[in-house]
């Protein structure tokens, strides 16, 4: 049976609040955020059909990841506050190289809190 490594990262919310989150290798960043009460929406529940789980990665980690798919790039084009190191959290899985990584959340997302409700944990 394969042992999964626990990996810790830090999410920085738009207000500057830092949330340390630990998850198993292979967990995507959207799931990790939800498991740790980080306000990252994920309206499509990880189907790569929206941009509400937009995250901003450190240059080194971004450069080490596989290129985003065409589908992810199409969704990123809709993201608020797009940067050169933006990715969709649902498309980035934890790897041991990400230990200690800082992940920034953009100031807003498109269709976030449309009805005033907090994002549900999936």
PDB file of N, CA and C in Angstrom:
ATOM      1  N   UNK A   1       0.846  -1.188   0.000  1.00  0.00           N
ATOM      2  CA  UNK A   1       0.000   0.000   0.000  1.00  0.00           C
ATOM      3  C   UNK A   1       0.888   1.248   0.000  1.00  0.00           C
ATOM      4  N   UNK A   2       0.583   2.179  -0.862  1.00  0.00           N
ATOM      5  CA  UNK A   2       1.389   3.393  -1.008  1.00  0.00           C
ATOM      6  C   UNK A   2       1.143   4.345   0.160  1.00  0.00           C
ATOM      7  N   UNK A   3       2.216   4.886   0.679  1.00  0.00           N
ATOM      8  CA  UNK A   3       2.127   5.903   1.724  1.00  0.00           C
ATOM      9  C   UNK A   3       2.076   7.280   1.062  1.00  0.00           C
ATOM     10  N   UNK A   4       1.125   8.082   1.475  1.00  0.00           N
ATOM     11  CA  UNK A   4       1.034   9.437   0.946  1.00  0.00           C
ATOM     12  C   UNK A   4       1.707  10.398   1.907  1.00  0.00           C
ATOM     13  N   UNK A   5       2.506  11.261   1.361  1.00  0.00           N
ATOM     14  CA  UNK A   5       3.231  12.249   2.164  1.00  0.00           C
ATOM     15  C   UNK A   5       2.303  13.410   2.508  1.00  0.00           C
ATOM     16  N   UNK A   6       2.391  13.870   3.748  1.00  0.00           N
ATOM     17  CA  UNK A   6       1.663  15.063   4.172  1.00  0.00           C
ATOM     18  C   UNK A   6       2.468  16.293   3.753  1.00  0.00           C
ATOM     19  N   UNK A   7       1.801  17.253   3.142  1.00  0.00           N
ATOM     20  CA  UNK A   7       2.451  18.458   2.630  1.00  0.00           C
ATOM     21  C   UNK A   7       1.730  19.674   3.202  1.00  0.00           C
ATOM     22  N   UNK A   8       2.493  20.613   3.733  1.00  0.00           N
ATOM     23  CA  UNK A   8       1.916  21.834   4.301  1.00  0.00           C
ATOM     24  C   UNK A   8       2.215  23.026   3.403  1.00  0.00           C
ATOM     25  N   UNK A   9       1.191  23.839   3.196  1.00  0.00           N
ATOM     26  CA  UNK A   9       1.321  25.078   2.435  1.00  0.00           C
ATOM     27  C   UNK A   9       0.633  26.183   3.233  1.00  0.00           C
ATOM     28  N   UNK A  10       0.791  27.415   2.796  1.00  0.00           N
ATOM     29  CA  UNK A  10       0.138  28.547   3.448  1.00  0.00           C
ATOM     30  C   UNK A  10      -0.700  29.286   2.411  1.00  0.00           C
ATOM     31  N   UNK A  11      -1.996  29.431   2.697  1.00  0.00           N
ATOM     32  CA  UNK A  11      -2.873  30.248   1.865  1.00  0.00           C
ATOM     33  C   UNK A  11      -2.887  31.658   2.445  1.00  0.00           C
ATOM     34  N   UNK A  12      -2.754  32.670   1.595  1.00  0.00           N
ATOM     35  CA  UNK A  12      -2.864  34.060   2.026  1.00  0.00           C
ATOM     36  C   UNK A  12      -4.160  34.607   1.440  1.00  0.00           C
ATOM     37  N   UNK A  13      -5.118  34.885   2.328  1.00  0.00           N
ATOM     38  CA  UNK A  13      -6.416  35.386   1.900  1.00  0.00           C
ATOM     39  C   UNK A  13      -6.305  36.866   1.526  1.00  0.00           C
ATOM     40  N   UNK A  14      -7.288  37.393   0.780  1.00  0.00           N
ATOM     41  CA  UNK A  14      -7.210  38.786   0.321  1.00  0.00           C
ATOM     42  C   UNK A  14      -7.001  39.809   1.443  1.00  0.00           C
ATOM     43  N   UNK A  15      -7.479  39.509   2.646  1.00  0.00           N
ATOM     44  CA  UNK A  15      -7.315  40.442   3.765  1.00  0.00           C
ATOM     45  C   UNK A  15      -5.963  40.298   4.461  1.00  0.00           C
ATOM     46  N   UNK A  16      -5.101  39.400   3.933  1.00  0.00           N
ATOM     47  CA  UNK A  16      -3.782  39.188   4.516  1.00  0.00           C
ATOM     48  C   UNK A  16      -3.727  38.056   5.523  1.00  0.00           C
ATOM     49  N   UNK A  17      -4.881  37.519   5.912  1.00  0.00           N
ATOM     50  CA  UNK A  17      -4.919  36.394   6.840  1.00  0.00           C
ATOM     51  C   UNK A  17      -4.191  35.200   6.231  1.00  0.00           C
ATOM     52  N   UNK A  18      -3.311  34.592   7.023  1.00  0.00           N
ATOM     53  CA  UNK A  18      -2.540  33.434   6.557  1.00  0.00           C
ATOM     54  C   UNK A  18      -3.111  32.178   7.198  1.00  0.00           C
ATOM     55  N   UNK A  19      -3.385  31.167   6.377  1.00  0.00           N
ATOM     56  CA  UNK A  19      -3.929  29.905   6.865  1.00  0.00           C
ATOM     57  C   UNK A  19      -2.996  28.776   6.453  1.00  0.00           C
ATOM     58  N   UNK A  20      -2.402  28.113   7.451  1.00  0.00           N
ATOM     59  CA  UNK A  20      -1.564  26.948   7.154  1.00  0.00           C
ATOM     60  C   UNK A  20      -2.490  25.763   6.912  1.00  0.00           C
ATOM     61  N   UNK A  21      -2.234  25.040   5.848  1.00  0.00           N
ATOM     62  CA  UNK A  21      -3.065  23.900   5.476  1.00  0.00           C
ATOM     63  C   UNK A  21      -2.170  22.711   5.157  1.00  0.00           C
ATOM     64  N   UNK A  22      -2.557  21.549   5.662  1.00  0.00           N
ATOM     65  CA  UNK A  22      -1.791  20.331   5.421  1.00  0.00           C
ATOM     66  C   UNK A  22      -2.698  19.303   4.767  1.00  0.00           C
ATOM     67  N   UNK A  23      -2.201  18.682   3.712  1.00  0.00           N
ATOM     68  CA  UNK A  23      -2.970  17.663   3.014  1.00  0.00           C
ATOM     69  C   UNK A  23      -2.058  16.606   2.437  1.00  0.00           C
ATOM     70  N   UNK A  24      -2.676  15.556   1.929  1.00  0.00           N
ATOM     71  CA  UNK A  24      -1.914  14.458   1.344  1.00  0.00           C
ATOM     72  C   UNK A  24      -1.480  14.787  -0.075  1.00  0.00           C
ATOM     73  N   UNK A  25      -0.332  14.275  -0.441  1.00  0.00           N
ATOM     74  CA  UNK A  25       0.154  14.375  -1.814  1.00  0.00           C
ATOM     75  C   UNK A  25      -0.961  13.941  -2.759  1.00  0.00           C
ATOM     76  N   UNK A  26      -1.177  14.702  -3.829  1.00  0.00           N
ATOM     77  CA  UNK A  26      -2.220  14.384  -4.800  1.00  0.00           C
ATOM     78  C   UNK A  26      -3.526  15.124  -4.567  1.00  0.00           C
ATOM     79  N   UNK A  27      -3.714  15.717  -3.382  1.00  0.00           N
ATOM     80  CA  UNK A  27      -4.904  16.524  -3.115  1.00  0.00           C
ATOM     81  C   UNK A  27      -4.789  17.812  -3.916  1.00  0.00           C
ATOM     82  N   UNK A  28      -5.887  18.245  -4.554  1.00  0.00           N
ATOM     83  CA  UNK A  28      -5.768  19.503  -5.296  1.00  0.00           C
ATOM     84  C   UNK A  28      -5.946  20.693  -4.352  1.00  0.00           C
ATOM     85  N   UNK A  29      -5.457  21.847  -4.775  1.00  0.00           N
ATOM     86  CA  UNK A  29      -5.447  23.024  -3.912  1.00  0.00           C
ATOM     87  C   UNK A  29      -6.841  23.496  -3.543  1.00  0.00           C
ATOM     88  N   UNK A  30      -7.829  23.310  -4.417  1.00  0.00           N
ATOM     89  CA  UNK A  30      -9.198  23.690  -4.086  1.00  0.00           C
ATOM     90  C   UNK A  30      -9.717  22.829  -2.940  1.00  0.00           C
ATOM     91  N   UNK A  31      -9.523  21.512  -3.032  1.00  0.00           N
ATOM     92  CA  UNK A  31      -9.966  20.612  -1.966  1.00  0.00           C
ATOM     93  C   UNK A  31      -9.257  20.942  -0.660  1.00  0.00           C
ATOM     94  N   UNK A  32      -7.955  21.189  -0.740  1.00  0.00           N
ATOM     95  CA  UNK A  32      -7.178  21.519   0.450  1.00  0.00           C
ATOM     96  C   UNK A  32      -7.714  22.791   1.107  1.00  0.00           C
ATOM     97  N   UNK A  33      -8.026  23.795   0.306  1.00  0.00           N
ATOM     98  CA  UNK A  33      -8.586  25.035   0.845  1.00  0.00           C
ATOM     99  C   UNK A  33      -9.904  24.759   1.560  1.00  0.00           C
ATOM    100  N   UNK A  34     -10.784  23.988   0.937  1.00  0.00           N
ATOM    101  CA  UNK A  34     -12.080  23.685   1.545  1.00  0.00           C
ATOM    102  C   UNK A  34     -11.920  22.923   2.851  1.00  0.00           C
ATOM    103  N   UNK A  35     -10.991  21.965   2.888  1.00  0.00           N
ATOM    104  CA  UNK A  35     -10.770  21.162   4.097  1.00  0.00           C
ATOM    105  C   UNK A  35     -10.227  22.000   5.248  1.00  0.00           C
ATOM    106  N   UNK A  36      -9.687  23.176   4.937  1.00  0.00           N
ATOM    107  CA  UNK A  36      -9.068  24.026   5.953  1.00  0.00           C
ATOM    108  C   UNK A  36      -9.776  25.376   6.113  1.00  0.00           C
ATOM    109  N   UNK A  37     -11.037  25.436   5.698  1.00  0.00           N
ATOM    110  CA  UNK A  37     -11.879  26.629   5.861  1.00  0.00           C
ATOM    111  C   UNK A  37     -11.291  27.891   5.239  1.00  0.00           C
ATOM    112  N   UNK A  38     -10.611  27.727   4.111  1.00  0.00           N
ATOM    113  CA  UNK A  38     -10.106  28.865   3.343  1.00  0.00           C
ATOM    114  C   UNK A  38     -11.191  29.245   2.337  1.00  0.00           C
ATOM    115  N   UNK A  39     -11.485  30.549   2.228  1.00  0.00           N
ATOM    116  CA  UNK A  39     -12.555  31.004   1.338  1.00  0.00           C
ATOM    117  C   UNK A  39     -12.129  30.996  -0.125  1.00  0.00           C
ATOM    118  N   UNK A  40     -12.133  29.820  -0.700  1.00  0.00           N
ATOM    119  CA  UNK A  40     -11.855  29.623  -2.121  1.00  0.00           C
ATOM    120  C   UNK A  40     -13.069  28.892  -2.665  1.00  0.00           C
ATOM    121  N   UNK A  41     -13.827  29.536  -3.546  1.00  0.00           N
ATOM    122  CA  UNK A  41     -15.154  29.032  -3.880  1.00  0.00           C
ATOM    123  C   UNK A  41     -15.166  27.673  -4.580  1.00  0.00           C
ATOM    124  N   UNK A  42     -14.759  27.608  -5.826  1.00  0.00           N
ATOM    125  CA  UNK A  42     -14.856  26.348  -6.558  1.00  0.00           C
ATOM    126  C   UNK A  42     -16.280  26.019  -6.964  1.00  0.00           C
ATOM    127  N   UNK A  43     -16.951  26.952  -7.636  1.00  0.00           N
ATOM    128  CA  UNK A  43     -18.365  26.810  -7.982  1.00  0.00           C
ATOM    129  C   UNK A  43     -18.671  25.560  -8.797  1.00  0.00           C
ATOM    130  N   UNK A  44     -17.755  25.128  -9.663  1.00  0.00           N
ATOM    131  CA  UNK A  44     -18.022  23.961 -10.520  1.00  0.00           C
ATOM    132  C   UNK A  44     -17.564  22.657  -9.869  1.00  0.00           C
ATOM    133  N   UNK A  45     -17.120  22.744  -8.619  1.00  0.00           N
ATOM    134  CA  UNK A  45     -16.689  21.573  -7.850  1.00  0.00           C
ATOM    135  C   UNK A  45     -15.524  20.831  -8.495  1.00  0.00           C
ATOM    136  N   UNK A  46     -14.638  21.565  -9.138  1.00  0.00           N
ATOM    137  CA  UNK A  46     -13.425  20.963  -9.671  1.00  0.00           C
ATOM    138  C   UNK A  46     -13.517  20.427 -11.078  1.00  0.00           C
ATOM    139  N   UNK A  47     -14.552  20.819 -11.822  1.00  0.00           N
ATOM    140  CA  UNK A  47     -14.738  20.321 -13.186  1.00  0.00           C
ATOM    141  C   UNK A  47     -14.006  21.162 -14.235  1.00  0.00           C
ATOM    142  N   UNK A  48     -13.229  22.143 -13.807  1.00  0.00           N
ATOM    143  CA  UNK A  48     -12.509  23.042 -14.719  1.00  0.00           C
ATOM    144  C   UNK A  48     -13.493  23.761 -15.644  1.00  0.00           C
ATOM    145  N   UNK A  49     -14.623  24.206 -15.043  1.00  0.00           N
ATOM    146  CA  UNK A  49     -15.663  24.858 -15.825  1.00  0.00           C
ATOM    147  C   UNK A  49     -15.978  26.264 -15.312  1.00  0.00           C
ATOM    148  N   UNK A  50     -15.122  26.801 -14.430  1.00  0.00           N
ATOM    149  CA  UNK A  50     -15.286  28.171 -13.947  1.00  0.00           C
ATOM    150  C   UNK A  50     -13.905  28.681 -13.551  1.00  0.00           C
ATOM    151  N   UNK A  51     -13.833  29.876 -12.991  1.00  0.00           N
ATOM    152  CA  UNK A  51     -12.532  30.398 -12.552  1.00  0.00           C
ATOM    153  C   UNK A  51     -12.554  30.799 -11.083  1.00  0.00           C
ATOM    154  N   UNK A  52     -13.523  30.294 -10.324  1.00  0.00           N
ATOM    155  CA  UNK A  52     -13.688  30.741  -8.941  1.00  0.00           C
ATOM    156  C   UNK A  52     -12.693  30.123  -7.965  1.00  0.00           C
ATOM    157  N   UNK A  53     -11.872  29.168  -8.406  1.00  0.00           N
ATOM    158  CA  UNK A  53     -10.817  28.624  -7.531  1.00  0.00           C
ATOM    159  C   UNK A  53      -9.444  29.142  -7.964  1.00  0.00           C
ATOM    160  N   UNK A  54      -9.431  30.296  -8.611  1.00  0.00           N
ATOM    161  CA  UNK A  54      -8.202  30.953  -9.077  1.00  0.00           C
ATOM    162  C   UNK A  54      -7.258  31.194  -7.901  1.00  0.00           C
ATOM    163  N   UNK A  55      -6.015  30.750  -8.044  1.00  0.00           N
ATOM    164  CA  UNK A  55      -4.966  30.991  -7.050  1.00  0.00           C
ATOM    165  C   UNK A  55      -3.738  31.556  -7.756  1.00  0.00           C
ATOM    166  N   UNK A  56      -2.882  32.208  -6.980  1.00  0.00           N
ATOM    167  CA  UNK A  56      -1.649  32.786  -7.513  1.00  0.00           C
ATOM    168  C   UNK A  56      -0.483  32.085  -6.833  1.00  0.00           C
ATOM    169  N   UNK A  57       0.350  31.438  -7.627  1.00  0.00           N
ATOM    170  CA  UNK A  57       1.442  30.620  -7.108  1.00  0.00           C
ATOM    171  C   UNK A  57       2.768  31.367  -7.143  1.00  0.00           C
ATOM    172  N   UNK A  58       3.730  30.867  -6.355  1.00  0.00           N
ATOM    173  CA  UNK A  58       5.094  31.390  -6.404  1.00  0.00           C
ATOM    174  C   UNK A  58       5.712  31.010  -7.751  1.00  0.00           C
ATOM    175  N   UNK A  59       6.594  31.861  -8.253  1.00  0.00           N
ATOM    176  CA  UNK A  59       7.223  31.628  -9.557  1.00  0.00           C
ATOM    177  C   UNK A  59       7.845  30.244  -9.680  1.00  0.00           C
ATOM    178  N   UNK A  60       8.635  29.843  -8.684  1.00  0.00           N
ATOM    179  CA  UNK A  60       9.358  28.580  -8.780  1.00  0.00           C
ATOM    180  C   UNK A  60       8.400  27.397  -8.897  1.00  0.00           C
ATOM    181  N   UNK A  61       7.373  27.376  -8.072  1.00  0.00           N
ATOM    182  CA  UNK A  61       6.410  26.269  -8.124  1.00  0.00           C
ATOM    183  C   UNK A  61       5.660  26.304  -9.451  1.00  0.00           C
ATOM    184  N   UNK A  62       5.222  27.488  -9.872  1.00  0.00           N
ATOM    185  CA  UNK A  62       4.515  27.606 -11.143  1.00  0.00           C
ATOM    186  C   UNK A  62       5.357  27.031 -12.278  1.00  0.00           C
ATOM    187  N   UNK A  63       6.626  27.390 -12.301  1.00  0.00           N
ATOM    188  CA  UNK A  63       7.516  26.944 -13.376  1.00  0.00           C
ATOM    189  C   UNK A  63       7.758  25.441 -13.351  1.00  0.00           C
ATOM    190  N   UNK A  64       7.655  24.821 -12.181  1.00  0.00           N
ATOM    191  CA  UNK A  64       7.883  23.381 -12.054  1.00  0.00           C
ATOM    192  C   UNK A  64       6.658  22.539 -12.406  1.00  0.00           C
ATOM    193  N   UNK A  65       5.491  23.167 -12.488  1.00  0.00           N
ATOM    194  CA  UNK A  65       4.257  22.428 -12.772  1.00  0.00           C
ATOM    195  C   UNK A  65       4.113  22.164 -14.268  1.00  0.00           C
ATOM    196  N   UNK A  66       3.350  21.129 -14.615  1.00  0.00           N
ATOM    197  CA  UNK A  66       3.017  20.938 -16.034  1.00  0.00           C
ATOM    198  C   UNK A  66       2.243  22.158 -16.541  1.00  0.00           C
ATOM    199  N   UNK A  67       2.345  22.428 -17.820  1.00  0.00           N
ATOM    200  CA  UNK A  67       1.618  23.546 -18.422  1.00  0.00           C
ATOM    201  C   UNK A  67       0.116  23.377 -18.198  1.00  0.00           C
ATOM    202  N   UNK A  68      -0.621  24.489 -18.005  1.00  0.00           N
ATOM    203  CA  UNK A  68      -2.079  24.382 -17.905  1.00  0.00           C
ATOM    204  C   UNK A  68      -2.659  23.839 -19.211  1.00  0.00           C
ATOM    205  N   UNK A  69      -3.740  23.084 -19.098  1.00  0.00           N
ATOM    206  CA  UNK A  69      -4.421  22.565 -20.287  1.00  0.00           C
ATOM    207  C   UNK A  69      -5.112  23.718 -21.015  1.00  0.00           C
ATOM    208  N   UNK A  70      -5.528  23.475 -22.250  1.00  0.00           N
ATOM    209  CA  UNK A  70      -6.281  24.486 -22.997  1.00  0.00           C
ATOM    210  C   UNK A  70      -7.553  24.859 -22.250  1.00  0.00           C
ATOM    211  N   UNK A  71      -8.225  23.855 -21.645  1.00  0.00           N
ATOM    212  CA  UNK A  71      -9.457  24.103 -20.898  1.00  0.00           C
ATOM    213  C   UNK A  71      -9.181  25.016 -19.708  1.00  0.00           C
ATOM    214  N   UNK A  72      -8.087  24.734 -18.978  1.00  0.00           N
ATOM    215  CA  UNK A  72      -7.752  25.581 -17.836  1.00  0.00           C
ATOM    216  C   UNK A  72      -7.420  26.998 -18.294  1.00  0.00           C
ATOM    217  N   UNK A  73      -6.644  27.138 -19.357  1.00  0.00           N
ATOM    218  CA  UNK A  73      -6.322  28.473 -19.871  1.00  0.00           C
ATOM    219  C   UNK A  73      -7.572  29.240 -20.284  1.00  0.00           C
ATOM    220  N   UNK A  74      -8.544  28.537 -20.891  1.00  0.00           N
ATOM    221  CA  UNK A  74      -9.802  29.185 -21.273  1.00  0.00           C
ATOM    222  C   UNK A  74     -10.518  29.740 -20.045  1.00  0.00           C
ATOM    223  N   UNK A  75     -10.538  28.973 -18.953  1.00  0.00           N
ATOM    224  CA  UNK A  75     -11.189  29.422 -17.724  1.00  0.00           C
ATOM    225  C   UNK A  75     -10.383  30.533 -17.054  1.00  0.00           C
ATOM    226  N   UNK A  76      -9.063  30.419 -17.078  1.00  0.00           N
ATOM    227  CA  UNK A  76      -8.223  31.469 -16.490  1.00  0.00           C
ATOM    228  C   UNK A  76      -8.428  32.807 -17.191  1.00  0.00           C
ATOM    229  N   UNK A  77      -8.734  32.775 -18.483  1.00  0.00           N
ATOM    230  CA  UNK A  77      -9.000  34.015 -19.213  1.00  0.00           C
ATOM    231  C   UNK A  77     -10.168  34.785 -18.608  1.00  0.00           C
ATOM    232  N   UNK A  78     -11.043  34.092 -17.872  1.00  0.00           N
ATOM    233  CA  UNK A  78     -12.204  34.718 -17.241  1.00  0.00           C
ATOM    234  C   UNK A  78     -11.917  35.171 -15.814  1.00  0.00           C
ATOM    235  N   UNK A  79     -10.765  34.828 -15.286  1.00  0.00           N
ATOM    236  CA  UNK A  79     -10.452  35.086 -13.878  1.00  0.00           C
ATOM    237  C   UNK A  79     -10.186  36.562 -13.614  1.00  0.00           C
ATOM    238  N   UNK A  80     -10.610  37.008 -12.457  1.00  0.00           N
ATOM    239  CA  UNK A  80     -10.355  38.366 -11.990  1.00  0.00           C
ATOM    240  C   UNK A  80      -8.925  38.447 -11.471  1.00  0.00           C
ATOM    241  N   UNK A  81      -8.188  39.479 -11.844  1.00  0.00           N
ATOM    242  CA  UNK A  81      -6.847  39.676 -11.307  1.00  0.00           C
ATOM    243  C   UNK A  81      -5.828  38.662 -11.782  1.00  0.00           C
ATOM    244  N   UNK A  82      -5.943  38.242 -13.023  1.00  0.00           N
ATOM    245  CA  UNK A  82      -5.046  37.238 -13.594  1.00  0.00           C
ATOM    246  C   UNK A  82      -3.591  37.703 -13.535  1.00  0.00           C
ATOM    247  N   UNK A  83      -2.680  36.787 -13.170  1.00  0.00           N
ATOM    248  CA  UNK A  83      -1.247  37.091 -13.131  1.00  0.00           C
ATOM    249  C   UNK A  83      -0.502  36.064 -13.980  1.00  0.00           C
ATOM    250  N   UNK A  84       0.793  36.262 -14.125  1.00  0.00           N
ATOM    251  CA  UNK A  84       1.621  35.320 -14.885  1.00  0.00           C
ATOM    252  C   UNK A  84       1.733  33.965 -14.198  1.00  0.00           C
ATOM    253  N   UNK A  85       1.426  33.898 -12.892  1.00  0.00           N
ATOM    254  CA  UNK A  85       1.526  32.626 -12.163  1.00  0.00           C
ATOM    255  C   UNK A  85       0.167  32.162 -11.648  1.00  0.00           C
ATOM    256  N   UNK A  86      -0.902  32.590 -12.309  1.00  0.00           N
ATOM    257  CA  UNK A  86      -2.250  32.157 -11.937  1.00  0.00           C
ATOM    258  C   UNK A  86      -2.518  30.737 -12.408  1.00  0.00           C
ATOM    259  N   UNK A  87      -3.211  29.985 -11.579  1.00  0.00           N
ATOM    260  CA  UNK A  87      -3.691  28.647 -11.941  1.00  0.00           C
ATOM    261  C   UNK A  87      -5.056  28.459 -11.297  1.00  0.00           C
ATOM    262  N   UNK A  88      -5.781  27.451 -11.745  1.00  0.00           N
ATOM    263  CA  UNK A  88      -7.011  27.045 -11.070  1.00  0.00           C
ATOM    264  C   UNK A  88      -6.629  26.046  -9.992  1.00  0.00           C
ATOM    265  N   UNK A  89      -7.074  26.298  -8.778  1.00  0.00           N
ATOM    266  CA  UNK A  89      -6.726  25.422  -7.664  1.00  0.00           C
ATOM    267  C   UNK A  89      -7.157  23.985  -7.873  1.00  0.00           C
ATOM    268  N   UNK A  90      -8.245  23.777  -8.601  1.00  0.00           N
ATOM    269  CA  UNK A  90      -8.736  22.411  -8.826  1.00  0.00           C
ATOM    270  C   UNK A  90      -7.836  21.622  -9.766  1.00  0.00           C
ATOM    271  N   UNK A  91      -6.932  22.305 -10.459  1.00  0.00           N
ATOM    272  CA  UNK A  91      -6.073  21.643 -11.440  1.00  0.00           C
ATOM    273  C   UNK A  91      -4.635  21.460 -10.960  1.00  0.00           C
ATOM    274  N   UNK A  92      -4.343  21.893  -9.733  1.00  0.00           N
ATOM    275  CA  UNK A  92      -2.986  21.793  -9.187  1.00  0.00           C
ATOM    276  C   UNK A  92      -2.998  20.844  -7.996  1.00  0.00           C
ATOM    277  N   UNK A  93      -2.267  19.740  -8.113  1.00  0.00           N
ATOM    278  CA  UNK A  93      -2.203  18.749  -7.037  1.00  0.00           C
ATOM    279  C   UNK A  93      -0.940  18.944  -6.211  1.00  0.00           C
ATOM    280  N   UNK A  94      -1.077  18.711  -4.899  1.00  0.00           N
ATOM    281  CA  UNK A  94       0.065  18.819  -3.995  1.00  0.00           C
ATOM    282  C   UNK A  94       1.154  17.829  -4.359  1.00  0.00           C
ATOM    283  N   UNK A  95       2.387  18.320  -4.358  1.00  0.00           N
ATOM    284  CA  UNK A  95       3.567  17.475  -4.540  1.00  0.00           C
ATOM    285  C   UNK A  95       4.543  17.812  -3.417  1.00  0.00           C
ATOM    286  N   UNK A  96       5.472  16.905  -3.107  1.00  0.00           N
ATOM    287  CA  UNK A  96       6.434  17.182  -2.035  1.00  0.00           C
ATOM    288  C   UNK A  96       7.216  18.480  -2.247  1.00  0.00           C
ATOM    289  N   UNK A  97       7.437  18.874  -3.490  1.00  0.00           N
ATOM    290  CA  UNK A  97       8.181  20.101  -3.789  1.00  0.00           C
ATOM    291  C   UNK A  97       7.439  21.357  -3.327  1.00  0.00           C
ATOM    292  N   UNK A  98       6.146  21.233  -3.056  1.00  0.00           N
ATOM    293  CA  UNK A  98       5.336  22.382  -2.641  1.00  0.00           C
ATOM    294  C   UNK A  98       5.401  22.647  -1.141  1.00  0.00           C
ATOM    295  N   UNK A  99       6.101  21.815  -0.388  1.00  0.00           N
ATOM    296  CA  UNK A  99       6.196  21.998   1.065  1.00  0.00           C
ATOM    297  C   UNK A  99       6.583  23.439   1.387  1.00  0.00           C
ATOM    298  N   UNK A 100       5.760  24.097   2.223  1.00  0.00           N
ATOM    299  CA  UNK A 100       6.027  25.467   2.646  1.00  0.00           C
ATOM    300  C   UNK A 100       5.617  26.545   1.660  1.00  0.00           C
ATOM    301  N   UNK A 101       5.076  26.164   0.507  1.00  0.00           N
ATOM    302  CA  UNK A 101       4.688  27.119  -0.527  1.00  0.00           C
ATOM    303  C   UNK A 101       3.628  28.097  -0.013  1.00  0.00           C
ATOM    304  N   UNK A 102       3.714  29.331  -0.473  1.00  0.00           N
ATOM    305  CA  UNK A 102       2.715  30.350  -0.175  1.00  0.00           C
ATOM    306  C   UNK A 102       1.824  30.507  -1.404  1.00  0.00           C
ATOM    307  N   UNK A 103       0.511  30.392  -1.189  1.00  0.00           N
ATOM    308  CA  UNK A 103      -0.484  30.482  -2.261  1.00  0.00           C
ATOM    309  C   UNK A 103      -1.353  31.696  -1.979  1.00  0.00           C
ATOM    310  N   UNK A 104      -1.367  32.651  -2.882  1.00  0.00           N
ATOM    311  CA  UNK A 104      -2.168  33.858  -2.680  1.00  0.00           C
ATOM    312  C   UNK A 104      -3.529  33.696  -3.344  1.00  0.00           C
ATOM    313  N   UNK A 105      -4.550  34.206  -2.663  1.00  0.00           N
ATOM    314  CA  UNK A 105      -5.884  34.245  -3.240  1.00  0.00           C
ATOM    315  C   UNK A 105      -6.114  35.649  -3.786  1.00  0.00           C
ATOM    316  N   UNK A 106      -6.706  35.768  -4.974  1.00  0.00           N
ATOM    317  CA  UNK A 106      -6.941  37.093  -5.551  1.00  0.00           C
ATOM    318  C   UNK A 106      -7.949  37.882  -4.714  1.00  0.00           C
ATOM    319  N   UNK A 107      -7.970  39.191  -4.915  1.00  0.00           N
ATOM    320  CA  UNK A 107      -8.854  40.071  -4.154  1.00  0.00           C
ATOM    321  C   UNK A 107     -10.329  39.758  -4.377  1.00  0.00           C
ATOM    322  N   UNK A 108     -10.662  39.181  -5.513  1.00  0.00           N
ATOM    323  CA  UNK A 108     -12.050  38.845  -5.828  1.00  0.00           C
ATOM    324  C   UNK A 108     -12.051  37.737  -6.871  1.00  0.00           C
ATOM    325  N   UNK A 109     -13.213  37.122  -7.040  1.00  0.00           N
ATOM    326  CA  UNK A 109     -13.392  36.180  -8.139  1.00  0.00           C
ATOM    327  C   UNK A 109     -14.696  36.526  -8.823  1.00  0.00           C
ATOM    328  N   UNK A 110     -14.841  36.115 -10.030  1.00  0.00           N
ATOM    329  CA  UNK A 110     -16.095  36.365 -10.733  1.00  0.00           C
ATOM    330  C   UNK A 110     -17.148  35.412 -10.187  1.00  0.00           C
ATOM    331  N   UNK A 111     -18.321  35.917  -9.886  1.00  0.00           N
ATOM    332  CA  UNK A 111     -19.491  35.265  -9.307  1.00  0.00           C
ATOM    333  C   UNK A 111     -19.272  34.719  -7.902  1.00  0.00           C
ATOM    334  N   UNK A 112     -18.336  35.311  -7.153  1.00  0.00           N
ATOM    335  CA  UNK A 112     -18.116  34.922  -5.756  1.00  0.00           C
ATOM    336  C   UNK A 112     -19.124  35.654  -4.880  1.00  0.00           C
ATOM    337  N   UNK A 113     -19.787  34.948  -3.995  1.00  0.00           N
ATOM    338  CA  UNK A 113     -20.788  35.515  -3.085  1.00  0.00           C
ATOM    339  C   UNK A 113     -21.911  36.213  -3.842  1.00  0.00           C
ATOM    340  N   UNK A 114     -22.303  35.674  -4.964  1.00  0.00           N
ATOM    341  CA  UNK A 114     -23.352  36.297  -5.765  1.00  0.00           C
ATOM    342  C   UNK A 114     -24.603  36.507  -4.933  1.00  0.00           C
ATOM    343  N   UNK A 115     -24.981  35.489  -4.167  1.00  0.00           N
ATOM    344  CA  UNK A 115     -26.208  35.584  -3.384  1.00  0.00           C
ATOM    345  C   UNK A 115     -25.920  35.851  -1.904  1.00  0.00           C
ATOM    346  N   UNK A 116     -24.695  36.226  -1.577  1.00  0.00           N
ATOM    347  CA  UNK A 116     -24.350  36.516  -0.198  1.00  0.00           C
ATOM    348  C   UNK A 116     -24.022  35.293   0.627  1.00  0.00           C
ATOM    349  N   UNK A 117     -24.081  34.114   0.031  1.00  0.00           N
ATOM    350  CA  UNK A 117     -23.808  32.875   0.766  1.00  0.00           C
ATOM    351  C   UNK A 117     -22.320  32.574   0.753  1.00  0.00           C
ATOM    352  N   UNK A 118     -21.835  32.011   1.845  1.00  0.00           N
ATOM    353  CA  UNK A 118     -20.448  31.548   1.907  1.00  0.00           C
ATOM    354  C   UNK A 118     -20.338  30.297   1.044  1.00  0.00           C
ATOM    355  N   UNK A 119     -19.156  30.015   0.495  1.00  0.00           N
ATOM    356  CA  UNK A 119     -18.995  28.800  -0.304  1.00  0.00           C
ATOM    357  C   UNK A 119     -19.197  27.562   0.557  1.00  0.00           C
ATOM    358  N   UNK A 120     -19.871  26.579  -0.006  1.00  0.00           N
ATOM    359  CA  UNK A 120     -20.095  25.314   0.697  1.00  0.00           C
ATOM    360  C   UNK A 120     -18.874  24.431   0.541  1.00  0.00           C
ATOM    361  N   UNK A 121     -18.581  23.661   1.554  1.00  0.00           N
ATOM    362  CA  UNK A 121     -17.476  22.715   1.468  1.00  0.00           C
ATOM    363  C   UNK A 121     -17.977  21.468   0.775  1.00  0.00           C
ATOM    364  N   UNK A 122     -17.218  20.996  -0.186  1.00  0.00           N
ATOM    365  CA  UNK A 122     -17.653  19.861  -1.006  1.00  0.00           C
ATOM    366  C   UNK A 122     -17.079  18.582  -0.485  1.00  0.00           C
TER     367      UNK A 122
END
